[in-house]
Amino acid sequence: MTLTLTISPEILERLTQAANDRGISIEDYTLQMIDRSVPQPSTFPAAPPLDRQTLLQQMQTFRGSIEVQWESLSQTVIEARAGERY
């Protein structure tokens, strides 16, 4: 595919300089810049859209999980402090 771009002289100068610094053509350099800028397609299947109720349920489950982990961490700290000798 051929893509025609109209760019300012300032950008052309910067592209030319960057390509020259790397020892490659301006076309190759520009293509590399575009390739790096465009996200790669995901290898994961798209998640189905969530309705409001399902999303709220998942948020509650996550919140509950965090609370359990926090309680466990708090208990571990309390036990560790109880075992410290001053």
PDB file of N, CA and C in Angstrom:
ATOM      1  N   MET A   1       0.839  -1.172   0.000  1.00  0.00           N
ATOM      2  CA  MET A   1       0.000   0.000   0.000  1.00  0.00           C
ATOM      3  C   MET A   1       0.885   1.236   0.000  1.00  0.00           C
ATOM      4  N   THR A   2       0.442   2.230  -0.691  1.00  0.00           N
ATOM      5  CA  THR A   2       1.151   3.502  -0.720  1.00  0.00           C
ATOM      6  C   THR A   2       0.335   4.522   0.047  1.00  0.00           C
ATOM      7  N   LEU A   3       1.018   5.261   0.908  1.00  0.00           N
ATOM      8  CA  LEU A   3       0.380   6.300   1.702  1.00  0.00           C
ATOM      9  C   LEU A   3       1.101   7.603   1.412  1.00  0.00           C
ATOM     10  N   THR A   4       0.349   8.635   1.062  1.00  0.00           N
ATOM     11  CA  THR A   4       0.948   9.931   0.773  1.00  0.00           C
ATOM     12  C   THR A   4       0.657  10.863   1.942  1.00  0.00           C
ATOM     13  N   LEU A   5       1.707  11.448   2.489  1.00  0.00           N
ATOM     14  CA  LEU A   5       1.580  12.366   3.618  1.00  0.00           C
ATOM     15  C   LEU A   5       2.090  13.745   3.227  1.00  0.00           C
ATOM     16  N   THR A   6       1.437  14.753   3.739  1.00  0.00           N
ATOM     17  CA  THR A   6       1.938  16.115   3.592  1.00  0.00           C
ATOM     18  C   THR A   6       2.453  16.521   4.964  1.00  0.00           C
ATOM     19  N   ILE A   7       3.766  16.757   5.059  1.00  0.00           N
ATOM     20  CA  ILE A   7       4.362  17.108   6.346  1.00  0.00           C
ATOM     21  C   ILE A   7       5.095  18.433   6.216  1.00  0.00           C
ATOM     22  N   SER A   8       5.269  19.071   7.336  1.00  0.00           N
ATOM     23  CA  SER A   8       5.941  20.369   7.333  1.00  0.00           C
ATOM     24  C   SER A   8       7.433  20.186   7.064  1.00  0.00           C
ATOM     25  N   PRO A   9       8.079  21.233   6.586  1.00  0.00           N
ATOM     26  CA  PRO A   9       9.523  21.155   6.357  1.00  0.00           C
ATOM     27  C   PRO A   9      10.298  20.837   7.639  1.00  0.00           C
ATOM     28  N   GLU A  10       9.801  21.316   8.769  1.00  0.00           N
ATOM     29  CA  GLU A  10      10.485  21.051  10.044  1.00  0.00           C
ATOM     30  C   GLU A  10      10.460  19.562  10.384  1.00  0.00           C
ATOM     31  N   ILE A  11       9.306  18.938  10.196  1.00  0.00           N
ATOM     32  CA  ILE A  11       9.206  17.502  10.482  1.00  0.00           C
ATOM     33  C   ILE A  11      10.044  16.709   9.483  1.00  0.00           C
ATOM     34  N   LEU A  12      10.004  17.114   8.227  1.00  0.00           N
ATOM     35  CA  LEU A  12      10.820  16.436   7.214  1.00  0.00           C
ATOM     36  C   LEU A  12      12.292  16.510   7.576  1.00  0.00           C
ATOM     37  N   GLU A  13      12.730  17.660   8.054  1.00  0.00           N
ATOM     38  CA  GLU A  13      14.134  17.818   8.445  1.00  0.00           C
ATOM     39  C   GLU A  13      14.471  16.894   9.614  1.00  0.00           C
ATOM     40  N   ARG A  14      13.569  16.812  10.602  1.00  0.00           N
ATOM     41  CA  ARG A  14      13.814  15.943  11.759  1.00  0.00           C
ATOM     42  C   ARG A  14      13.821  14.472  11.350  1.00  0.00           C
ATOM     43  N   LEU A  15      12.883  14.097  10.475  1.00  0.00           N
ATOM     44  CA  LEU A  15      12.860  12.708   9.996  1.00  0.00           C
ATOM     45  C   LEU A  15      14.129  12.362   9.229  1.00  0.00           C
ATOM     46  N   THR A  16      14.537  13.275   8.370  1.00  0.00           N
ATOM     47  CA  THR A  16      15.742  13.056   7.564  1.00  0.00           C
ATOM     48  C   THR A  16      16.959  12.905   8.465  1.00  0.00           C
ATOM     49  N   GLN A  17      17.070  13.779   9.455  1.00  0.00           N
ATOM     50  CA  GLN A  17      18.213  13.714  10.371  1.00  0.00           C
ATOM     51  C   GLN A  17      18.207  12.409  11.162  1.00  0.00           C
ATOM     52  N   ALA A  18      17.054  12.031  11.665  1.00  0.00           N
ATOM     53  CA  ALA A  18      16.966  10.792  12.449  1.00  0.00           C
ATOM     54  C   ALA A  18      17.296   9.579  11.589  1.00  0.00           C
ATOM     55  N   ALA A  19      16.803   9.558  10.353  1.00  0.00           N
ATOM     56  CA  ALA A  19      17.101   8.446   9.451  1.00  0.00           C
ATOM     57  C   ALA A  19      18.589   8.398   9.135  1.00  0.00           C
ATOM     58  N   ASN A  20      19.173   9.552   8.842  1.00  0.00           N
ATOM     59  CA  ASN A  20      20.614   9.614   8.556  1.00  0.00           C
ATOM     60  C   ASN A  20      21.435   9.139   9.751  1.00  0.00           C
ATOM     61  N   ASP A  21      21.032   9.537  10.950  1.00  0.00           N
ATOM     62  CA  ASP A  21      21.749   9.116  12.159  1.00  0.00           C
ATOM     63  C   ASP A  21      21.759   7.603  12.307  1.00  0.00           C
ATOM     64  N   ARG A  22      20.732   6.956  11.794  1.00  0.00           N
ATOM     65  CA  ARG A  22      20.623   5.505  11.907  1.00  0.00           C
ATOM     66  C   ARG A  22      21.120   4.782  10.667  1.00  0.00           C
ATOM     67  N   GLY A  23      21.464   5.544   9.650  1.00  0.00           N
ATOM     68  CA  GLY A  23      21.986   4.946   8.425  1.00  0.00           C
ATOM     69  C   GLY A  23      20.929   4.226   7.601  1.00  0.00           C
ATOM     70  N   ILE A  24      19.683   4.680   7.695  1.00  0.00           N
ATOM     71  CA  ILE A  24      18.608   4.057   6.922  1.00  0.00           C
ATOM     72  C   ILE A  24      17.861   5.135   6.139  1.00  0.00           C
ATOM     73  N   SER A  25      17.037   4.699   5.210  1.00  0.00           N
ATOM     74  CA  SER A  25      16.287   5.658   4.406  1.00  0.00           C
ATOM     75  C   SER A  25      15.197   6.313   5.242  1.00  0.00           C
ATOM     76  N   ILE A  26      14.774   7.487   4.814  1.00  0.00           N
ATOM     77  CA  ILE A  26      13.698   8.181   5.519  1.00  0.00           C
ATOM     78  C   ILE A  26      12.411   7.356   5.473  1.00  0.00           C
ATOM     79  N   GLU A  27      12.202   6.638   4.358  1.00  0.00           N
ATOM     80  CA  GLU A  27      11.016   5.795   4.250  1.00  0.00           C
ATOM     81  C   GLU A  27      11.037   4.677   5.285  1.00  0.00           C
ATOM     82  N   ASP A  28      12.184   4.005   5.416  1.00  0.00           N
ATOM     83  CA  ASP A  28      12.298   2.925   6.403  1.00  0.00           C
ATOM     84  C   ASP A  28      12.148   3.458   7.824  1.00  0.00           C
ATOM     85  N   TYR A  29      12.776   4.596   8.082  1.00  0.00           N
ATOM     86  CA  TYR A  29      12.689   5.177   9.425  1.00  0.00           C
ATOM     87  C   TYR A  29      11.247   5.550   9.751  1.00  0.00           C
ATOM     88  N   THR A  30      10.557   6.189   8.816  1.00  0.00           N
ATOM     89  CA  THR A  30       9.174   6.590   9.044  1.00  0.00           C
ATOM     90  C   THR A  30       8.292   5.374   9.262  1.00  0.00           C
ATOM     91  N   LEU A  31       8.509   4.328   8.483  1.00  0.00           N
ATOM     92  CA  LEU A  31       7.732   3.103   8.659  1.00  0.00           C
ATOM     93  C   LEU A  31       7.980   2.494  10.037  1.00  0.00           C
ATOM     94  N   GLN A  32       9.223   2.512  10.502  1.00  0.00           N
ATOM     95  CA  GLN A  32       9.535   2.000  11.843  1.00  0.00           C
ATOM     96  C   GLN A  32       8.814   2.815  12.915  1.00  0.00           C
ATOM     97  N   MET A  33       8.794   4.134  12.757  1.00  0.00           N
ATOM     98  CA  MET A  33       8.122   4.999  13.729  1.00  0.00           C
ATOM     99  C   MET A  33       6.620   4.715  13.766  1.00  0.00           C
ATOM    100  N   ILE A  34       6.031   4.535  12.609  1.00  0.00           N
ATOM    101  CA  ILE A  34       4.600   4.223  12.554  1.00  0.00           C
ATOM    102  C   ILE A  34       4.344   2.866  13.191  1.00  0.00           C
ATOM    103  N   ASP A  35       5.171   1.873  12.869  1.00  0.00           N
ATOM    104  CA  ASP A  35       4.998   0.532  13.406  1.00  0.00           C
ATOM    105  C   ASP A  35       5.090   0.533  14.927  1.00  0.00           C
ATOM    106  N   ARG A  36       6.004   1.307  15.486  1.00  0.00           N
ATOM    107  CA  ARG A  36       6.156   1.384  16.946  1.00  0.00           C
ATOM    108  C   ARG A  36       4.990   2.111  17.603  1.00  0.00           C
ATOM    109  N   SER A  37       4.353   3.004  16.873  1.00  0.00           N
ATOM    110  CA  SER A  37       3.291   3.830  17.447  1.00  0.00           C
ATOM    111  C   SER A  37       1.918   3.173  17.423  1.00  0.00           C
ATOM    112  N   VAL A  38       1.715   2.244  16.510  1.00  0.00           N
ATOM    113  CA  VAL A  38       0.401   1.618  16.373  1.00  0.00           C
ATOM    114  C   VAL A  38       0.373   0.367  17.244  1.00  0.00           C
ATOM    115  N   PRO A  39      -0.617   0.261  18.151  1.00  0.00           N
ATOM    116  CA  PRO A  39      -0.676  -0.914  19.027  1.00  0.00           C
ATOM    117  C   PRO A  39      -0.803  -2.202  18.238  1.00  0.00           C
ATOM    118  N   GLN A  40      -0.137  -3.236  18.749  1.00  0.00           N
ATOM    119  CA  GLN A  40      -0.235  -4.559  18.144  1.00  0.00           C
ATOM    120  C   GLN A  40      -1.593  -5.154  18.506  1.00  0.00           C
ATOM    121  N   PRO A  41      -2.148  -5.972  17.631  1.00  0.00           N
ATOM    122  CA  PRO A  41      -3.425  -6.603  17.971  1.00  0.00           C
ATOM    123  C   PRO A  41      -3.258  -7.508  19.188  1.00  0.00           C
ATOM    124  N   SER A  42      -4.260  -7.542  19.999  1.00  0.00           N
ATOM    125  CA  SER A  42      -4.222  -8.354  21.201  1.00  0.00           C
ATOM    126  C   SER A  42      -4.296  -9.834  20.843  1.00  0.00           C
ATOM    127  N   THR A  43      -3.565 -10.647  21.599  1.00  0.00           N
ATOM    128  CA  THR A  43      -3.634 -12.091  21.382  1.00  0.00           C
ATOM    129  C   THR A  43      -4.757 -12.694  22.221  1.00  0.00           C
ATOM    130  N   PHE A  44      -5.362 -11.874  23.088  1.00  0.00           N
ATOM    131  CA  PHE A  44      -6.457 -12.344  23.921  1.00  0.00           C
ATOM    132  C   PHE A  44      -7.781 -12.046  23.221  1.00  0.00           C
ATOM    133  N   PRO A  45      -8.732 -12.951  23.344  1.00  0.00           N
ATOM    134  CA  PRO A  45     -10.035 -12.671  22.744  1.00  0.00           C
ATOM    135  C   PRO A  45     -10.686 -11.490  23.455  1.00  0.00           C
ATOM    136  N   ALA A  46     -11.463 -10.743  22.727  1.00  0.00           N
ATOM    137  CA  ALA A  46     -12.135  -9.590  23.309  1.00  0.00           C
ATOM    138  C   ALA A  46     -13.127 -10.065  24.367  1.00  0.00           C
ATOM    139  N   ALA A  47     -13.141  -9.366  25.482  1.00  0.00           N
ATOM    140  CA  ALA A  47     -14.082  -9.700  26.542  1.00  0.00           C
ATOM    141  C   ALA A  47     -15.470  -9.221  26.144  1.00  0.00           C
ATOM    142  N   PRO A  48     -16.470  -9.995  26.475  1.00  0.00           N
ATOM    143  CA  PRO A  48     -17.820  -9.548  26.141  1.00  0.00           C
ATOM    144  C   PRO A  48     -18.174  -8.312  26.959  1.00  0.00           C
ATOM    145  N   PRO A  49     -19.002  -7.450  26.433  1.00  0.00           N
ATOM    146  CA  PRO A  49     -19.391  -6.269  27.194  1.00  0.00           C
ATOM    147  C   PRO A  49     -20.152  -6.680  28.457  1.00  0.00           C
ATOM    148  N   LEU A  50     -19.941  -5.938  29.525  1.00  0.00           N
ATOM    149  CA  LEU A  50     -20.588  -6.259  30.792  1.00  0.00           C
ATOM    150  C   LEU A  50     -21.774  -5.330  31.021  1.00  0.00           C
ATOM    151  N   ASP A  51     -22.859  -5.920  31.517  1.00  0.00           N
ATOM    152  CA  ASP A  51     -23.973  -5.072  31.901  1.00  0.00           C
ATOM    153  C   ASP A  51     -23.666  -4.476  33.276  1.00  0.00           C
ATOM    154  N   ARG A  52     -24.402  -3.475  33.643  1.00  0.00           N
ATOM    155  CA  ARG A  52     -24.142  -2.741  34.885  1.00  0.00           C
ATOM    156  C   ARG A  52     -24.165  -3.670  36.101  1.00  0.00           C
ATOM    157  N   GLN A  53     -25.149  -4.555  36.183  1.00  0.00           N
ATOM    158  CA  GLN A  53     -25.285  -5.436  37.335  1.00  0.00           C
ATOM    159  C   GLN A  53     -24.081  -6.370  37.466  1.00  0.00           C
ATOM    160  N   THR A  54     -23.641  -6.956  36.364  1.00  0.00           N
ATOM    161  CA  THR A  54     -22.488  -7.855  36.389  1.00  0.00           C
ATOM    162  C   THR A  54     -21.237  -7.105  36.823  1.00  0.00           C
ATOM    163  N   LEU A  55     -21.060  -5.899  36.309  1.00  0.00           N
ATOM    164  CA  LEU A  55     -19.904  -5.088  36.680  1.00  0.00           C
ATOM    165  C   LEU A  55     -19.915  -4.767  38.171  1.00  0.00           C
ATOM    166  N   LEU A  56     -21.062  -4.397  38.704  1.00  0.00           N
ATOM    167  CA  LEU A  56     -21.164  -4.102  40.138  1.00  0.00           C
ATOM    168  C   LEU A  56     -20.858  -5.340  40.983  1.00  0.00           C
ATOM    169  N   GLN A  57     -21.324  -6.508  40.536  1.00  0.00           N
ATOM    170  CA  GLN A  57     -21.034  -7.748  41.268  1.00  0.00           C
ATOM    171  C   GLN A  57     -19.537  -8.041  41.265  1.00  0.00           C
ATOM    172  N   GLN A  58     -18.886  -7.853  40.120  1.00  0.00           N
ATOM    173  CA  GLN A  58     -17.445  -8.096  40.046  1.00  0.00           C
ATOM    174  C   GLN A  58     -16.678  -7.115  40.925  1.00  0.00           C
ATOM    175  N   MET A  59     -17.130  -5.870  40.971  1.00  0.00           N
ATOM    176  CA  MET A  59     -16.471  -4.880  41.827  1.00  0.00           C
ATOM    177  C   MET A  59     -16.608  -5.253  43.296  1.00  0.00           C
ATOM    178  N   GLN A  60     -17.793  -5.747  43.705  1.00  0.00           N
ATOM    179  CA  GLN A  60     -18.001  -6.171  45.087  1.00  0.00           C
ATOM    180  C   GLN A  60     -17.097  -7.352  45.436  1.00  0.00           C
ATOM    181  N   THR A  61     -16.982  -8.298  44.512  1.00  0.00           N
ATOM    182  CA  THR A  61     -16.121  -9.458  44.732  1.00  0.00           C
ATOM    183  C   THR A  61     -14.677  -9.011  44.906  1.00  0.00           C
ATOM    184  N   PHE A  62     -14.236  -8.095  44.058  1.00  0.00           N
ATOM    185  CA  PHE A  62     -12.863  -7.587  44.144  1.00  0.00           C
ATOM    186  C   PHE A  62     -12.654  -6.860  45.465  1.00  0.00           C
ATOM    187  N   ARG A  63     -13.605  -6.004  45.830  1.00  0.00           N
ATOM    188  CA  ARG A  63     -13.494  -5.259  47.089  1.00  0.00           C
ATOM    189  C   ARG A  63     -13.411  -6.220  48.264  1.00  0.00           C
ATOM    190  N   GLY A  64     -14.238  -7.282  48.245  1.00  0.00           N
ATOM    191  CA  GLY A  64     -14.200  -8.270  49.317  1.00  0.00           C
ATOM    192  C   GLY A  64     -12.861  -8.975  49.384  1.00  0.00           C
ATOM    193  N   SER A  65     -12.280  -9.270  48.226  1.00  0.00           N
ATOM    194  CA  SER A  65     -10.981  -9.927  48.177  1.00  0.00           C
ATOM    195  C   SER A  65      -9.903  -9.049  48.791  1.00  0.00           C
ATOM    196  N   ILE A  66      -9.940  -7.763  48.469  1.00  0.00           N
ATOM    197  CA  ILE A  66      -8.948  -6.836  49.024  1.00  0.00           C
ATOM    198  C   ILE A  66      -9.097  -6.741  50.536  1.00  0.00           C
ATOM    199  N   GLU A  67     -10.346  -6.687  51.029  1.00  0.00           N
ATOM    200  CA  GLU A  67     -10.571  -6.591  52.471  1.00  0.00           C
ATOM    201  C   GLU A  67     -10.016  -7.819  53.183  1.00  0.00           C
ATOM    202  N   VAL A  68     -10.223  -9.009  52.601  1.00  0.00           N
ATOM    203  CA  VAL A  68      -9.709 -10.240  53.199  1.00  0.00           C
ATOM    204  C   VAL A  68      -8.184 -10.206  53.225  1.00  0.00           C
ATOM    205  N   GLN A  69      -7.570  -9.769  52.124  1.00  0.00           N
ATOM    206  CA  GLN A  69      -6.113  -9.694  52.074  1.00  0.00           C
ATOM    207  C   GLN A  69      -5.592  -8.680  53.086  1.00  0.00           C
ATOM    208  N   TRP A  70      -6.280  -7.546  53.241  1.00  0.00           N
ATOM    209  CA  TRP A  70      -5.844  -6.524  54.191  1.00  0.00           C
ATOM    210  C   TRP A  70      -5.932  -7.065  55.613  1.00  0.00           C
ATOM    211  N   GLU A  71      -7.034  -7.768  55.927  1.00  0.00           N
ATOM    212  CA  GLU A  71      -7.181  -8.340  57.261  1.00  0.00           C
ATOM    213  C   GLU A  71      -6.072  -9.351  57.535  1.00  0.00           C
ATOM    214  N   SER A  72      -5.751 -10.172  56.547  1.00  0.00           N
ATOM    215  CA  SER A  72      -4.697 -11.165  56.697  1.00  0.00           C
ATOM    216  C   SER A  72      -3.346 -10.489  56.920  1.00  0.00           C
ATOM    217  N   LEU A  73      -3.072  -9.433  56.144  1.00  0.00           N
ATOM    218  CA  LEU A  73      -1.818  -8.695  56.299  1.00  0.00           C
ATOM    219  C   LEU A  73      -1.755  -8.044  57.671  1.00  0.00           C
ATOM    220  N   SER A  74      -2.855  -7.440  58.095  1.00  0.00           N
ATOM    221  CA  SER A  74      -2.888  -6.795  59.409  1.00  0.00           C
ATOM    222  C   SER A  74      -2.601  -7.798  60.508  1.00  0.00           C
ATOM    223  N   GLN A  75      -3.198  -8.982  60.421  1.00  0.00           N
ATOM    224  CA  GLN A  75      -2.983 -10.013  61.427  1.00  0.00           C
ATOM    225  C   GLN A  75      -1.525 -10.470  61.427  1.00  0.00           C
ATOM    226  N   THR A  76      -0.936 -10.602  60.269  1.00  0.00           N
ATOM    227  CA  THR A  76       0.469 -11.004  60.162  1.00  0.00           C
ATOM    228  C   THR A  76       1.374  -9.972  60.827  1.00  0.00           C
ATOM    229  N   VAL A  77       1.102  -8.695  60.610  1.00  0.00           N
ATOM    230  CA  VAL A  77       1.899  -7.625  61.221  1.00  0.00           C
ATOM    231  C   VAL A  77       1.740  -7.668  62.738  1.00  0.00           C
ATOM    232  N   ILE A  78       0.517  -7.832  63.201  1.00  0.00           N
ATOM    233  CA  ILE A  78       0.276  -7.890  64.652  1.00  0.00           C
ATOM    234  C   ILE A  78       1.037  -9.056  65.267  1.00  0.00           C
ATOM    235  N   GLU A  79       0.992 -10.213  64.615  1.00  0.00           N
ATOM    236  CA  GLU A  79       1.706 -11.390  65.132  1.00  0.00           C
ATOM    237  C   GLU A  79       3.204 -11.179  65.104  1.00  0.00           C
ATOM    238  N   ALA A  80       3.704 -10.538  64.069  1.00  0.00           N
ATOM    239  CA  ALA A  80       5.146 -10.286  63.969  1.00  0.00           C
ATOM    240  C   ALA A  80       5.596  -9.334  65.060  1.00  0.00           C
ATOM    241  N   ARG A  81       4.804  -8.311  65.301  1.00  0.00           N
ATOM    242  CA  ARG A  81       5.151  -7.351  66.361  1.00  0.00           C
ATOM    243  C   ARG A  81       5.095  -7.993  67.742  1.00  0.00           C
ATOM    244  N   ALA A  82       4.150  -8.901  67.945  1.00  0.00           N
ATOM    245  CA  ALA A  82       4.029  -9.574  69.228  1.00  0.00           C
ATOM    246  C   ALA A  82       5.267 -10.428  69.493  1.00  0.00           C
ATOM    247  N   GLY A  83       5.913 -10.920  68.449  1.00  0.00           N
ATOM    248  CA  GLY A  83       7.076 -11.767  68.611  1.00  0.00           C
ATOM    249  C   GLY A  83       8.386 -10.997  68.710  1.00  0.00           C
ATOM    250  N   GLU A  84       8.342  -9.666  68.483  1.00  0.00           N
ATOM    251  CA  GLU A  84       9.568  -8.859  68.550  1.00  0.00           C
ATOM    252  C   GLU A  84       9.994  -8.704  70.001  1.00  0.00           C
ATOM    253  N   ARG A  85      11.294  -8.667  70.201  1.00  0.00           N
ATOM    254  CA  ARG A  85      11.839  -8.435  71.545  1.00  0.00           C
ATOM    255  C   ARG A  85      12.554  -7.097  71.551  1.00  0.00           C
ATOM    256  N   TYR A  86      12.299  -6.343  72.556  1.00  0.00           N
ATOM    257  CA  TYR A  86      12.913  -5.008  72.659  1.00  0.00           C
ATOM    258  C   TYR A  86      14.021  -5.001  73.663  1.00  0.00           C
TER     259      TYR A  86
END
